[in-house]
PDB file of N, CA and C in Angstrom:
ATOM      1  N   MET A   1     127.704  90.410 101.489  1.00  0.00           N
ATOM      2  CA  MET A   1     127.442  89.456 102.314  1.00  0.00           C
ATOM      3  C   MET A   1     127.271  88.309 101.635  1.00  0.00           C
ATOM      4  N   ALA A   2     127.314  87.224 102.467  1.00  0.00           N
ATOM      5  CA  ALA A   2     127.206  85.908 102.185  1.00  0.00           C
ATOM      6  C   ALA A   2     125.960  85.022 103.056  1.00  0.00           C
ATOM      7  N   LEU A   3     125.546  84.227 102.771  1.00  0.00           N
ATOM      8  CA  LEU A   3     124.622  83.076 103.556  1.00  0.00           C
ATOM      9  C   LEU A   3     125.500  82.165 104.430  1.00  0.00           C
ATOM     10  N   HIS A   4     125.676  82.047 105.690  1.00  0.00           N
ATOM     11  CA  HIS A   4     126.379  81.292 106.483  1.00  0.00           C
ATOM     12  C   HIS A   4     125.465  80.228 107.380  1.00  0.00           C
ATOM     13  N   THR A   5     125.835  78.788 107.254  1.00  0.00           N
ATOM     14  CA  THR A   5     125.048  78.035 108.028  1.00  0.00           C
ATOM     15  C   THR A   5     126.051  76.913 108.362  1.00  0.00           C
ATOM     16  N   SER A   6     125.504  75.974 109.423  1.00  0.00           N
ATOM     17  CA  SER A   6     126.542  75.121 109.704  1.00  0.00           C
ATOM     18  C   SER A   6     125.664  73.952 110.101  1.00  0.00           C
ATOM     19  N   ASN A   7     126.213  72.714 109.850  1.00  0.00           N
ATOM     20  CA  ASN A   7     125.421  71.468 109.796  1.00  0.00           C
ATOM     21  C   ASN A   7     126.347  70.238 110.248  1.00  0.00           C
ATOM     22  N   ILE A   8     125.915  68.967 110.150  1.00  0.00           N
ATOM     23  CA  ILE A   8     126.856  68.127 110.514  1.00  0.00           C
ATOM     24  C   ILE A   8     128.037  67.772 109.793  1.00  0.00           C
ATOM     25  N   TYR A   9     127.883  68.496 108.665  1.00  0.00           N
ATOM     26  CA  TYR A   9     129.333  68.135 107.575  1.00  0.00           C
ATOM     27  C   TYR A   9     130.310  69.496 107.860  1.00  0.00           C
ATOM     28  N   GLY A  10     129.828  70.560 108.730  1.00  0.00           N
ATOM     29  CA  GLY A  10     130.823  71.577 108.935  1.00  0.00           C
ATOM     30  C   GLY A  10     129.937  73.034 108.552  1.00  0.00           C
ATOM     31  N   ASN A  11     130.778  74.013 108.382  1.00  0.00           N
ATOM     32  CA  ASN A  11     130.229  75.349 108.087  1.00  0.00           C
ATOM     33  C   ASN A  11     129.974  75.386 106.528  1.00  0.00           C
ATOM     34  N   ILE A  12     129.053  76.251 106.219  1.00  0.00           N
ATOM     35  CA  ILE A  12     128.715  76.158 104.733  1.00  0.00           C
ATOM     36  C   ILE A  12     128.606  78.016 104.546  1.00  0.00           C
ATOM     37  N   THR A  13     128.959  78.468 103.485  1.00  0.00           N
ATOM     38  CA  THR A  13     128.803  79.820 103.025  1.00  0.00           C
ATOM     39  C   THR A  13     128.692  79.878 101.673  1.00  0.00           C
ATOM     40  N   VAL A  14     127.586  80.381 101.316  1.00  0.00           N
ATOM     41  CA  VAL A  14     127.184  80.660  99.884  1.00  0.00           C
ATOM     42  C   VAL A  14     127.053  82.020  99.486  1.00  0.00           C
ATOM     43  N   SER A  15     127.637  82.376  98.732  1.00  0.00           N
ATOM     44  CA  SER A  15     127.573  83.980  98.355  1.00  0.00           C
ATOM     45  C   SER A  15     126.189  84.384  97.932  1.00  0.00           C
ATOM     46  N   ASP A  16     126.068  85.751  97.842  1.00  0.00           N
ATOM     47  CA  ASP A  16     124.661  86.431  97.580  1.00  0.00           C
ATOM     48  C   ASP A  16     124.508  86.354  96.143  1.00  0.00           C
ATOM     49  N   ASP A  17     125.612  86.465  95.427  1.00  0.00           N
ATOM     50  CA  ASP A  17     125.524  86.393  93.947  1.00  0.00           C
ATOM     51  C   ASP A  17     125.172  85.124  93.416  1.00  0.00           C
ATOM     52  N   ALA A  18     125.728  83.696  94.027  1.00  0.00           N
ATOM     53  CA  ALA A  18     125.221  82.603  93.609  1.00  0.00           C
ATOM     54  C   ALA A  18     123.791  82.537  93.962  1.00  0.00           C
ATOM     55  N   VAL A  19     123.221  82.926  94.988  1.00  0.00           N
ATOM     56  CA  VAL A  19     121.719  82.800  95.385  1.00  0.00           C
ATOM     57  C   VAL A  19     120.941  83.646  94.368  1.00  0.00           C
ATOM     58  N   ALA A  20     121.400  84.818  94.046  1.00  0.00           N
ATOM     59  CA  ALA A  20     120.889  85.383  93.036  1.00  0.00           C
ATOM     60  C   ALA A  20     120.765  85.160  91.747  1.00  0.00           C
ATOM     61  N   LEU A  21     121.933  84.305  91.232  1.00  0.00           N
ATOM     62  CA  LEU A  21     121.744  83.822  90.016  1.00  0.00           C
ATOM     63  C   LEU A  21     120.712  82.670  89.945  1.00  0.00           C
ATOM     64  N   VAL A  22     120.365  82.014  91.020  1.00  0.00           N
ATOM     65  CA  VAL A  22     119.477  80.913  91.014  1.00  0.00           C
ATOM     66  C   VAL A  22     118.247  81.504  91.078  1.00  0.00           C
ATOM     67  N   ILE A  23     117.843  82.664  91.849  1.00  0.00           N
ATOM     68  CA  ILE A  23     116.471  83.161  91.827  1.00  0.00           C
ATOM     69  C   ILE A  23     116.130  83.819  90.298  1.00  0.00           C
ATOM     70  N   LYS A  24     117.171  84.348  89.715  1.00  0.00           N
ATOM     71  CA  LYS A  24     117.201  85.062  88.460  1.00  0.00           C
ATOM     72  C   LYS A  24     116.873  83.925  87.392  1.00  0.00           C
ATOM     73  N   LYS A  25     117.393  82.816  87.600  1.00  0.00           N
ATOM     74  CA  LYS A  25     117.190  81.585  86.609  1.00  0.00           C
ATOM     75  C   LYS A  25     115.625  81.277  86.853  1.00  0.00           C
ATOM     76  N   VAL A  26     115.177  80.920  87.839  1.00  0.00           N
ATOM     77  CA  VAL A  26     113.831  80.607  88.365  1.00  0.00           C
ATOM     78  C   VAL A  26     112.930  81.596  87.855  1.00  0.00           C
ATOM     79  N   ALA A  27     113.197  82.890  88.296  1.00  0.00           N
ATOM     80  CA  ALA A  27     111.937  84.064  87.573  1.00  0.00           C
ATOM     81  C   ALA A  27     112.182  83.919  86.242  1.00  0.00           C
ATOM     82  N   MET A  28     113.087  84.038  85.385  1.00  0.00           N
ATOM     83  CA  MET A  28     112.963  84.038  84.091  1.00  0.00           C
ATOM     84  C   MET A  28     112.289  82.943  83.436  1.00  0.00           C
ATOM     85  N   ASP A  29     112.303  81.501  83.966  1.00  0.00           N
ATOM     86  CA  ASP A  29     111.935  80.361  83.657  1.00  0.00           C
ATOM     87  C   ASP A  29     110.240  80.502  84.003  1.00  0.00           C
ATOM     88  N   CYS A  30     109.726  81.363  84.892  1.00  0.00           N
ATOM     89  CA  CYS A  30     108.387  81.316  85.488  1.00  0.00           C
ATOM     90  C   CYS A  30     107.445  82.042  84.493  1.00  0.00           C
ATOM     91  N   TYR A  31     106.391  81.260  83.960  1.00  0.00           N
ATOM     92  CA  TYR A  31     105.458  81.905  82.910  1.00  0.00           C
ATOM     93  C   TYR A  31     105.083  83.298  83.462  1.00  0.00           C
ATOM     94  N   GLY A  32     105.019  84.052  82.462  1.00  0.00           N
ATOM     95  CA  GLY A  32     104.187  85.332  82.641  1.00  0.00           C
ATOM     96  C   GLY A  32     105.612  86.562  83.309  1.00  0.00           C
ATOM     97  N   VAL A  33     106.463  85.968  83.837  1.00  0.00           N
ATOM     98  CA  VAL A  33     107.494  87.263  84.052  1.00  0.00           C
ATOM     99  C   VAL A  33     108.250  87.523  82.914  1.00  0.00           C
ATOM    100  N   ALA A  34     108.093  88.827  82.381  1.00  0.00           N
ATOM    101  CA  ALA A  34     109.030  89.496  81.240  1.00  0.00           C
ATOM    102  C   ALA A  34     110.077  89.726  81.740  1.00  0.00           C
ATOM    103  N   GLU A  35     110.447  90.681  82.846  1.00  0.00           N
ATOM    104  CA  GLU A  35     112.075  90.789  82.903  1.00  0.00           C
ATOM    105  C   GLU A  35     112.158  91.185  84.518  1.00  0.00           C
ATOM    106  N   LEU A  36     113.482  90.818  84.963  1.00  0.00           N
ATOM    107  CA  LEU A  36     113.818  91.556  86.171  1.00  0.00           C
ATOM    108  C   LEU A  36     114.224  93.106  86.121  1.00  0.00           C
ATOM    109  N   VAL A  37     113.795  93.982  86.956  1.00  0.00           N
ATOM    110  CA  VAL A  37     113.911  95.511  86.846  1.00  0.00           C
ATOM    111  C   VAL A  37     114.962  95.683  87.975  1.00  0.00           C
ATOM    112  N   SER A  38     115.965  96.828  87.614  1.00  0.00           N
ATOM    113  CA  SER A  38     116.859  97.277  88.450  1.00  0.00           C
ATOM    114  C   SER A  38     116.093  97.976  89.445  1.00  0.00           C
ATOM    115  N   ARG A  39     116.831  97.980  90.643  1.00  0.00           N
ATOM    116  CA  ARG A  39     116.270  98.543  91.967  1.00  0.00           C
ATOM    117  C   ARG A  39     117.141  99.625  92.348  1.00  0.00           C
ATOM    118  N   LYS A  40     118.341  99.582  92.101  1.00  0.00           N
ATOM    119  CA  LYS A  40     119.222 100.516  92.353  1.00  0.00           C
ATOM    120  C   LYS A  40     119.789 101.584  91.031  1.00  0.00           C
ATOM    121  N   LEU A  41     120.242 102.522  91.284  1.00  0.00           N
ATOM    122  CA  LEU A  41     121.096 103.474  90.415  1.00  0.00           C
ATOM    123  C   LEU A  41     122.295 102.808  90.088  1.00  0.00           C
ATOM    124  N   SER A  42     123.064 102.172  90.652  1.00  0.00           N
ATOM    125  CA  SER A  42     124.256 101.685  90.233  1.00  0.00           C
ATOM    126  C   SER A  42     124.097 100.475  89.279  1.00  0.00           C
ATOM    127  N   ASP A  43     122.851  99.802  89.177  1.00  0.00           N
ATOM    128  CA  ASP A  43     122.460  98.807  88.184  1.00  0.00           C
ATOM    129  C   ASP A  43     122.369  99.403  86.992  1.00  0.00           C
ATOM    130  N   SER A  44     121.780 100.420  87.032  1.00  0.00           N
ATOM    131  CA  SER A  44     121.400 101.359  85.755  1.00  0.00           C
ATOM    132  C   SER A  44     122.681 101.684  85.017  1.00  0.00           C
ATOM    133  N   VAL A  45     123.718 102.275  85.835  1.00  0.00           N
ATOM    134  CA  VAL A  45     124.799 102.827  85.270  1.00  0.00           C
ATOM    135  C   VAL A  45     125.870 101.640  84.796  1.00  0.00           C
ATOM    136  N   LEU A  46     125.715 100.367  85.337  1.00  0.00           N
ATOM    137  CA  LEU A  46     126.418  99.263  84.586  1.00  0.00           C
ATOM    138  C   LEU A  46     125.960  98.900  83.461  1.00  0.00           C
ATOM    139  N   MET A  47     124.470  99.060  83.247  1.00  0.00           N
ATOM    140  CA  MET A  47     124.074  98.739  81.964  1.00  0.00           C
ATOM    141  C   MET A  47     124.161  99.773  80.803  1.00  0.00           C
ATOM    142  N   LEU A  48     124.542 100.878  81.373  1.00  0.00           N
ATOM    143  CA  LEU A  48     125.012 101.639  80.182  1.00  0.00           C
ATOM    144  C   LEU A  48     126.349 101.502  79.423  1.00  0.00           C
ATOM    145  N   PHE A  49     127.288 100.728  80.401  1.00  0.00           N
ATOM    146  CA  PHE A  49     128.355 100.213  79.925  1.00  0.00           C
ATOM    147  C   PHE A  49     128.256  98.789  79.499  1.00  0.00           C
ATOM    148  N   ASN A  50     127.206  98.132  79.027  1.00  0.00           N
ATOM    149  CA  ASN A  50     127.080  96.955  78.416  1.00  0.00           C
ATOM    150  C   ASN A  50     127.201  95.816  79.615  1.00  0.00           C
ATOM    151  N   LYS A  51     127.238  96.106  80.866  1.00  0.00           N
ATOM    152  CA  LYS A  51     127.511  95.135  81.936  1.00  0.00           C
ATOM    153  C   LYS A  51     126.348  94.864  82.496  1.00  0.00           C
ATOM    154  N   GLU A  52     125.941  93.358  82.769  1.00  0.00           N
ATOM    155  CA  GLU A  52     124.696  92.879  83.343  1.00  0.00           C
ATOM    156  C   GLU A  52     124.955  92.853  84.918  1.00  0.00           C
ATOM    157  N   PRO A  53     124.305  93.683  85.660  1.00  0.00           N
ATOM    158  CA  PRO A  53     124.413  93.446  87.048  1.00  0.00           C
ATOM    159  C   PRO A  53     123.889  91.974  87.524  1.00  0.00           C
ATOM    160  N   ILE A  54     124.612  91.131  88.123  1.00  0.00           N
ATOM    161  CA  ILE A  54     124.181  89.841  88.581  1.00  0.00           C
ATOM    162  C   ILE A  54     123.012  89.881  89.561  1.00  0.00           C
ATOM    163  N   GLY A  55     122.755  90.754  90.437  1.00  0.00           N
ATOM    164  CA  GLY A  55     121.537  90.901  91.211  1.00  0.00           C
ATOM    165  C   GLY A  55     120.503  91.598  90.868  1.00  0.00           C
ATOM    166  N   ARG A  56     120.337  92.182  89.680  1.00  0.00           N
ATOM    167  CA  ARG A  56     119.426  93.015  88.977  1.00  0.00           C
ATOM    168  C   ARG A  56     118.038  92.779  89.444  1.00  0.00           C
ATOM    169  N   GLY A  57     117.163  93.439  90.161  1.00  0.00           N
ATOM    170  CA  GLY A  57     115.984  93.110  90.502  1.00  0.00           C
ATOM    171  C   GLY A  57     115.891  92.303  91.717  1.00  0.00           C
ATOM    172  N   ILE A  58     116.861  91.682  92.443  1.00  0.00           N
ATOM    173  CA  ILE A  58     116.700  90.931  93.638  1.00  0.00           C
ATOM    174  C   ILE A  58     117.405  91.669  94.923  1.00  0.00           C
ATOM    175  N   LYS A  59     116.858  91.429  95.819  1.00  0.00           N
ATOM    176  CA  LYS A  59     117.448  91.865  97.178  1.00  0.00           C
ATOM    177  C   LYS A  59     117.361  90.795  98.134  1.00  0.00           C
ATOM    178  N   LEU A  60     118.422  90.356  98.828  1.00  0.00           N
ATOM    179  CA  LEU A  60     118.662  89.202  99.605  1.00  0.00           C
ATOM    180  C   LEU A  60     119.117  89.813 101.066  1.00  0.00           C
ATOM    181  N   VAL A  61     118.531  89.292 102.172  1.00  0.00           N
ATOM    182  CA  VAL A  61     118.678  89.650 103.305  1.00  0.00           C
ATOM    183  C   VAL A  61     118.409  88.324 104.268  1.00  0.00           C
ATOM    184  N   THR A  62     119.682  88.465 105.157  1.00  0.00           N
ATOM    185  CA  THR A  62     119.668  87.024 105.899  1.00  0.00           C
ATOM    186  C   THR A  62     119.634  87.500 107.351  1.00  0.00           C
ATOM    187  N   VAL A  63     118.846  86.787 108.162  1.00  0.00           N
ATOM    188  CA  VAL A  63     118.864  87.255 109.425  1.00  0.00           C
ATOM    189  C   VAL A  63     118.553  85.673 110.318  1.00  0.00           C
ATOM    190  N   ASP A  64     119.319  85.341 111.238  1.00  0.00           N
ATOM    191  CA  ASP A  64     119.100  84.092 111.838  1.00  0.00           C
ATOM    192  C   ASP A  64     118.996  82.832 111.049  1.00  0.00           C
ATOM    193  N   ASN A  65     119.840  82.739 110.115  1.00  0.00           N
ATOM    194  CA  ASN A  65     119.360  81.551 109.304  1.00  0.00           C
ATOM    195  C   ASN A  65     118.291  81.476 108.569  1.00  0.00           C
ATOM    196  N   ARG A  66     117.812  82.497 108.328  1.00  0.00           N
ATOM    197  CA  ARG A  66     116.333  82.603 107.603  1.00  0.00           C
ATOM    198  C   ARG A  66     116.576  83.724 106.392  1.00  0.00           C
ATOM    199  N   ILE A  67     116.291  83.379 105.246  1.00  0.00           N
ATOM    200  CA  ILE A  67     116.403  84.161 104.229  1.00  0.00           C
ATOM    201  C   ILE A  67     115.133  85.088 103.641  1.00  0.00           C
ATOM    202  N   TYR A  68     115.397  86.392 103.744  1.00  0.00           N
ATOM    203  CA  TYR A  68     114.345  87.287 103.022  1.00  0.00           C
ATOM    204  C   TYR A  68     114.581  87.612 101.728  1.00  0.00           C
ATOM    205  N   ILE A  69     113.822  87.601 100.759  1.00  0.00           N
ATOM    206  CA  ILE A  69     113.859  87.818  99.303  1.00  0.00           C
ATOM    207  C   ILE A  69     112.807  88.838  99.057  1.00  0.00           C
ATOM    208  N   ASP A  70     113.214  89.717  98.111  1.00  0.00           N
ATOM    209  CA  ASP A  70     112.555  90.769  97.419  1.00  0.00           C
ATOM    210  C   ASP A  70     112.865  90.740  95.960  1.00  0.00           C
ATOM    211  N   ILE A  71     111.779  90.586  94.937  1.00  0.00           N
ATOM    212  CA  ILE A  71     111.832  90.415  93.635  1.00  0.00           C
ATOM    213  C   ILE A  71     111.340  91.380  92.997  1.00  0.00           C
ATOM    214  N   TYR A  72     111.864  92.295  92.017  1.00  0.00           N
ATOM    215  CA  TYR A  72     111.279  93.467  91.549  1.00  0.00           C
ATOM    216  C   TYR A  72     111.106  93.004  89.875  1.00  0.00           C
ATOM    217  N   CYS A  73     109.779  92.937  89.534  1.00  0.00           N
ATOM    218  CA  CYS A  73     109.914  92.499  88.142  1.00  0.00           C
ATOM    219  C   CYS A  73     108.841  93.231  87.251  1.00  0.00           C
ATOM    220  N   LEU A  74     108.757  92.755  85.891  1.00  0.00           N
ATOM    221  CA  LEU A  74     107.782  93.200  84.995  1.00  0.00           C
ATOM    222  C   LEU A  74     106.905  91.862  84.558  1.00  0.00           C
ATOM    223  N   ILE A  75     105.765  92.037  84.449  1.00  0.00           N
ATOM    224  CA  ILE A  75     104.901  90.872  84.200  1.00  0.00           C
ATOM    225  C   ILE A  75     104.366  91.287  82.624  1.00  0.00           C
ATOM    226  N   ALA A  76     104.218  89.914  82.018  1.00  0.00           N
ATOM    227  CA  ALA A  76     103.855  90.009  80.591  1.00  0.00           C
ATOM    228  C   ALA A  76     102.347  90.358  80.719  1.00  0.00           C
ATOM    229  N   SER A  77     101.688  91.094  79.350  1.00  0.00           N
ATOM    230  CA  SER A  77     100.370  91.638  79.330  1.00  0.00           C
ATOM    231  C   SER A  77      99.724  90.301  79.224  1.00  0.00           C
ATOM    232  N   GLY A  78      98.569  90.227  79.593  1.00  0.00           N
ATOM    233  CA  GLY A  78      97.489  89.229  79.554  1.00  0.00           C
ATOM    234  C   GLY A  78      97.467  88.068  80.278  1.00  0.00           C
ATOM    235  N   VAL A  79      98.265  87.924  81.194  1.00  0.00           N
ATOM    236  CA  VAL A  79      98.144  87.037  82.243  1.00  0.00           C
ATOM    237  C   VAL A  79      97.763  87.531  83.546  1.00  0.00           C
ATOM    238  N   ASN A  80      97.254  86.425  84.166  1.00  0.00           N
ATOM    239  CA  ASN A  80      96.622  86.629  85.643  1.00  0.00           C
ATOM    240  C   ASN A  80      97.790  86.897  86.437  1.00  0.00           C
ATOM    241  N   THR A  81      98.109  88.199  86.963  1.00  0.00           N
ATOM    242  CA  THR A  81      98.970  88.656  87.866  1.00  0.00           C
ATOM    243  C   THR A  81      99.285  87.661  89.212  1.00  0.00           C
ATOM    244  N   GLU A  82      98.144  87.592  89.625  1.00  0.00           N
ATOM    245  CA  GLU A  82      98.303  87.045  90.997  1.00  0.00           C
ATOM    246  C   GLU A  82      98.586  85.543  90.863  1.00  0.00           C
ATOM    247  N   ALA A  83      98.360  84.885  89.756  1.00  0.00           N
ATOM    248  CA  ALA A  83      98.911  83.628  89.476  1.00  0.00           C
ATOM    249  C   ALA A  83     100.343  83.443  89.354  1.00  0.00           C
ATOM    250  N   VAL A  84     100.866  84.648  88.408  1.00  0.00           N
ATOM    251  CA  VAL A  84     102.328  84.620  88.361  1.00  0.00           C
ATOM    252  C   VAL A  84     103.095  84.803  89.620  1.00  0.00           C
ATOM    253  N   VAL A  85     102.441  85.727  90.133  1.00  0.00           N
ATOM    254  CA  VAL A  85     103.091  85.991  91.650  1.00  0.00           C
ATOM    255  C   VAL A  85     103.222  84.819  92.402  1.00  0.00           C
ATOM    256  N   ASN A  86     102.129  84.274  92.845  1.00  0.00           N
ATOM    257  CA  ASN A  86     102.061  82.972  93.576  1.00  0.00           C
ATOM    258  C   ASN A  86     102.922  81.808  92.890  1.00  0.00           C
ATOM    259  N   SER A  87     103.054  81.626  91.709  1.00  0.00           N
ATOM    260  CA  SER A  87     103.679  80.560  91.076  1.00  0.00           C
ATOM    261  C   SER A  87     105.421  80.919  91.420  1.00  0.00           C
ATOM    262  N   LEU A  88     105.680  82.416  91.218  1.00  0.00           N
ATOM    263  CA  LEU A  88     107.091  82.743  91.187  1.00  0.00           C
ATOM    264  C   LEU A  88     107.341  82.546  92.589  1.00  0.00           C
ATOM    265  N   LYS A  89     106.717  82.938  93.580  1.00  0.00           N
ATOM    266  CA  LYS A  89     106.885  82.860  94.910  1.00  0.00           C
ATOM    267  C   LYS A  89     107.429  81.352  95.523  1.00  0.00           C
ATOM    268  N   SER A  90     106.285  80.370  95.123  1.00  0.00           N
ATOM    269  CA  SER A  90     106.452  79.136  95.370  1.00  0.00           C
ATOM    270  C   SER A  90     107.881  78.441  94.529  1.00  0.00           C
ATOM    271  N   ALA A  91     108.170  78.751  93.435  1.00  0.00           N
ATOM    272  CA  ALA A  91     109.373  78.288  92.852  1.00  0.00           C
ATOM    273  C   ALA A  91     110.574  78.730  93.299  1.00  0.00           C
ATOM    274  N   VAL A  92     110.547  80.127  93.654  1.00  0.00           N
ATOM    275  CA  VAL A  92     111.693  80.371  94.195  1.00  0.00           C
ATOM    276  C   VAL A  92     112.160  79.847  95.675  1.00  0.00           C
ATOM    277  N   ILE A  93     110.934  79.698  96.531  1.00  0.00           N
ATOM    278  CA  ILE A  93     111.063  79.100  97.845  1.00  0.00           C
ATOM    279  C   ILE A  93     111.629  77.611  97.821  1.00  0.00           C
ATOM    280  N   TYR A  94     111.029  77.006  96.644  1.00  0.00           N
ATOM    281  CA  TYR A  94     111.650  75.681  96.810  1.00  0.00           C
ATOM    282  C   TYR A  94     113.069  75.595  95.893  1.00  0.00           C
ATOM    283  N   HIS A  95     113.634  76.067  95.055  1.00  0.00           N
ATOM    284  CA  HIS A  95     114.587  76.273  94.670  1.00  0.00           C
ATOM    285  C   HIS A  95     115.778  76.752  95.454  1.00  0.00           C
ATOM    286  N   VAL A  96     115.655  77.865  96.299  1.00  0.00           N
ATOM    287  CA  VAL A  96     116.254  78.251  96.966  1.00  0.00           C
ATOM    288  C   VAL A  96     116.503  77.496  98.346  1.00  0.00           C
ATOM    289  N   GLU A  97     115.611  77.020  98.820  1.00  0.00           N
ATOM    290  CA  GLU A  97     115.854  75.912 100.081  1.00  0.00           C
ATOM    291  C   GLU A  97     116.389  74.678  99.731  1.00  0.00           C
ATOM    292  N   ASN A  98     116.325  74.455  98.345  1.00  0.00           N
ATOM    293  CA  ASN A  98     117.230  73.112  97.971  1.00  0.00           C
ATOM    294  C   ASN A  98     118.743  73.342  97.871  1.00  0.00           C
ATOM    295  N   PHE A  99     118.819  74.589  97.307  1.00  0.00           N
ATOM    296  CA  PHE A  99     120.155  75.119  96.916  1.00  0.00           C
ATOM    297  C   PHE A  99     120.982  75.521  98.156  1.00  0.00           C
ATOM    298  N   THR A 100     120.315  76.142  99.158  1.00  0.00           N
ATOM    299  CA  THR A 100     121.179  76.645 100.178  1.00  0.00           C
ATOM    300  C   THR A 100     121.009  75.618 101.579  1.00  0.00           C
ATOM    301  N   GLY A 101     119.911  74.872 101.578  1.00  0.00           N
ATOM    302  CA  GLY A 101     119.519  74.181 102.746  1.00  0.00           C
ATOM    303  C   GLY A 101     119.086  74.918 103.831  1.00  0.00           C
ATOM    304  N   MET A 102     118.755  76.244 103.740  1.00  0.00           N
ATOM    305  CA  MET A 102     118.381  77.098 104.591  1.00  0.00           C
ATOM    306  C   MET A 102     116.845  77.457 104.576  1.00  0.00           C
ATOM    307  N   ARG A 103     116.196  77.941 105.369  1.00  0.00           N
ATOM    308  CA  ARG A 103     114.747  78.186 105.136  1.00  0.00           C
ATOM    309  C   ARG A 103     114.411  79.750 104.715  1.00  0.00           C
ATOM    310  N   VAL A 104     113.737  79.774 103.720  1.00  0.00           N
ATOM    311  CA  VAL A 104     113.219  81.090 103.232  1.00  0.00           C
ATOM    312  C   VAL A 104     112.203  81.492 103.925  1.00  0.00           C
ATOM    313  N   LYS A 105     112.217  82.605 104.614  1.00  0.00           N
ATOM    314  CA  LYS A 105     111.137  83.351 105.525  1.00  0.00           C
ATOM    315  C   LYS A 105     110.197  83.881 104.858  1.00  0.00           C
ATOM    316  N   SER A 106     110.494  84.661 103.829  1.00  0.00           N
ATOM    317  CA  SER A 106     109.528  85.308 103.120  1.00  0.00           C
ATOM    318  C   SER A 106     109.961  85.659 101.674  1.00  0.00           C
ATOM    319  N   VAL A 107     109.237  85.681 100.637  1.00  0.00           N
ATOM    320  CA  VAL A 107     109.448  86.184  99.242  1.00  0.00           C
ATOM    321  C   VAL A 107     108.365  87.041  99.133  1.00  0.00           C
ATOM    322  N   GLU A 108     108.853  88.547  98.704  1.00  0.00           N
ATOM    323  CA  GLU A 108     107.933  89.502  98.343  1.00  0.00           C
ATOM    324  C   GLU A 108     108.183  89.896  96.893  1.00  0.00           C
ATOM    325  N   VAL A 109     107.276  89.616  96.005  1.00  0.00           N
ATOM    326  CA  VAL A 109     107.263  89.952  94.613  1.00  0.00           C
ATOM    327  C   VAL A 109     106.632  91.331  94.410  1.00  0.00           C
ATOM    328  N   HIS A 110     107.412  92.520  93.867  1.00  0.00           N
ATOM    329  CA  HIS A 110     107.051  93.702  93.445  1.00  0.00           C
ATOM    330  C   HIS A 110     106.762  93.770  92.148  1.00  0.00           C
ATOM    331  N   VAL A 111     105.525  93.856  91.575  1.00  0.00           N
ATOM    332  CA  VAL A 111     105.173  93.882  90.028  1.00  0.00           C
ATOM    333  C   VAL A 111     105.276  95.499  89.889  1.00  0.00           C
ATOM    334  N   LEU A 112     106.223  95.722  89.012  1.00  0.00           N
ATOM    335  CA  LEU A 112     106.345  97.394  88.825  1.00  0.00           C
ATOM    336  C   LEU A 112     105.856  97.629  87.507  1.00  0.00           C
ATOM    337  N   GLY A 113     105.370  96.961  86.917  1.00  0.00           N
ATOM    338  CA  GLY A 113     104.563  97.247  85.476  1.00  0.00           C
ATOM    339  C   GLY A 113     104.321  95.944  84.632  1.00  0.00           C
ATOM    340  N   MET A 114     103.634  96.388  83.391  1.00  0.00           N
ATOM    341  CA  MET A 114     103.405  95.095  82.646  1.00  0.00           C
ATOM    342  C   MET A 114     104.139  95.404  81.107  1.00  0.00           C
ATOM    343  N   ARG A 115     104.688  94.337  80.580  1.00  0.00           N
ATOM    344  CA  ARG A 115     105.255  94.349  79.393  1.00  0.00           C
ATOM    345  C   ARG A 115     104.103  94.023  78.418  1.00  0.00           C
ATOM    346  N   LEU A 116     104.136  94.956  77.222  1.00  0.00           N
ATOM    347  CA  LEU A 116     103.099  94.556  76.201  1.00  0.00           C
ATOM    348  C   LEU A 116     103.651  93.727  75.269  1.00  0.00           C
TER     349      LEU A 116
END
């Protein structure tokens, strides 16, 4: 799937992979995020063959020009989890809205564990 929107300049289509790359870059630059975790078995199979899945740890859904994002991650040990989650949410919302021109309805961060 892809994100579709239209404005005075015409119709705009942004692929989910492009948005996932933006989210991945923002998440890995966010202090306290250790890594994004696979949420599908197919991602784990690709990693066995040394291929990095683009949307690893990221789920995107678009409904009525609104974007819903789920992020699955590991947090570094010794950091305030709530502060990292809030920082990650605000950074993702800001960058995705600037990149796509669409509104982000919600960002859910699922912390699956801590990395020592």
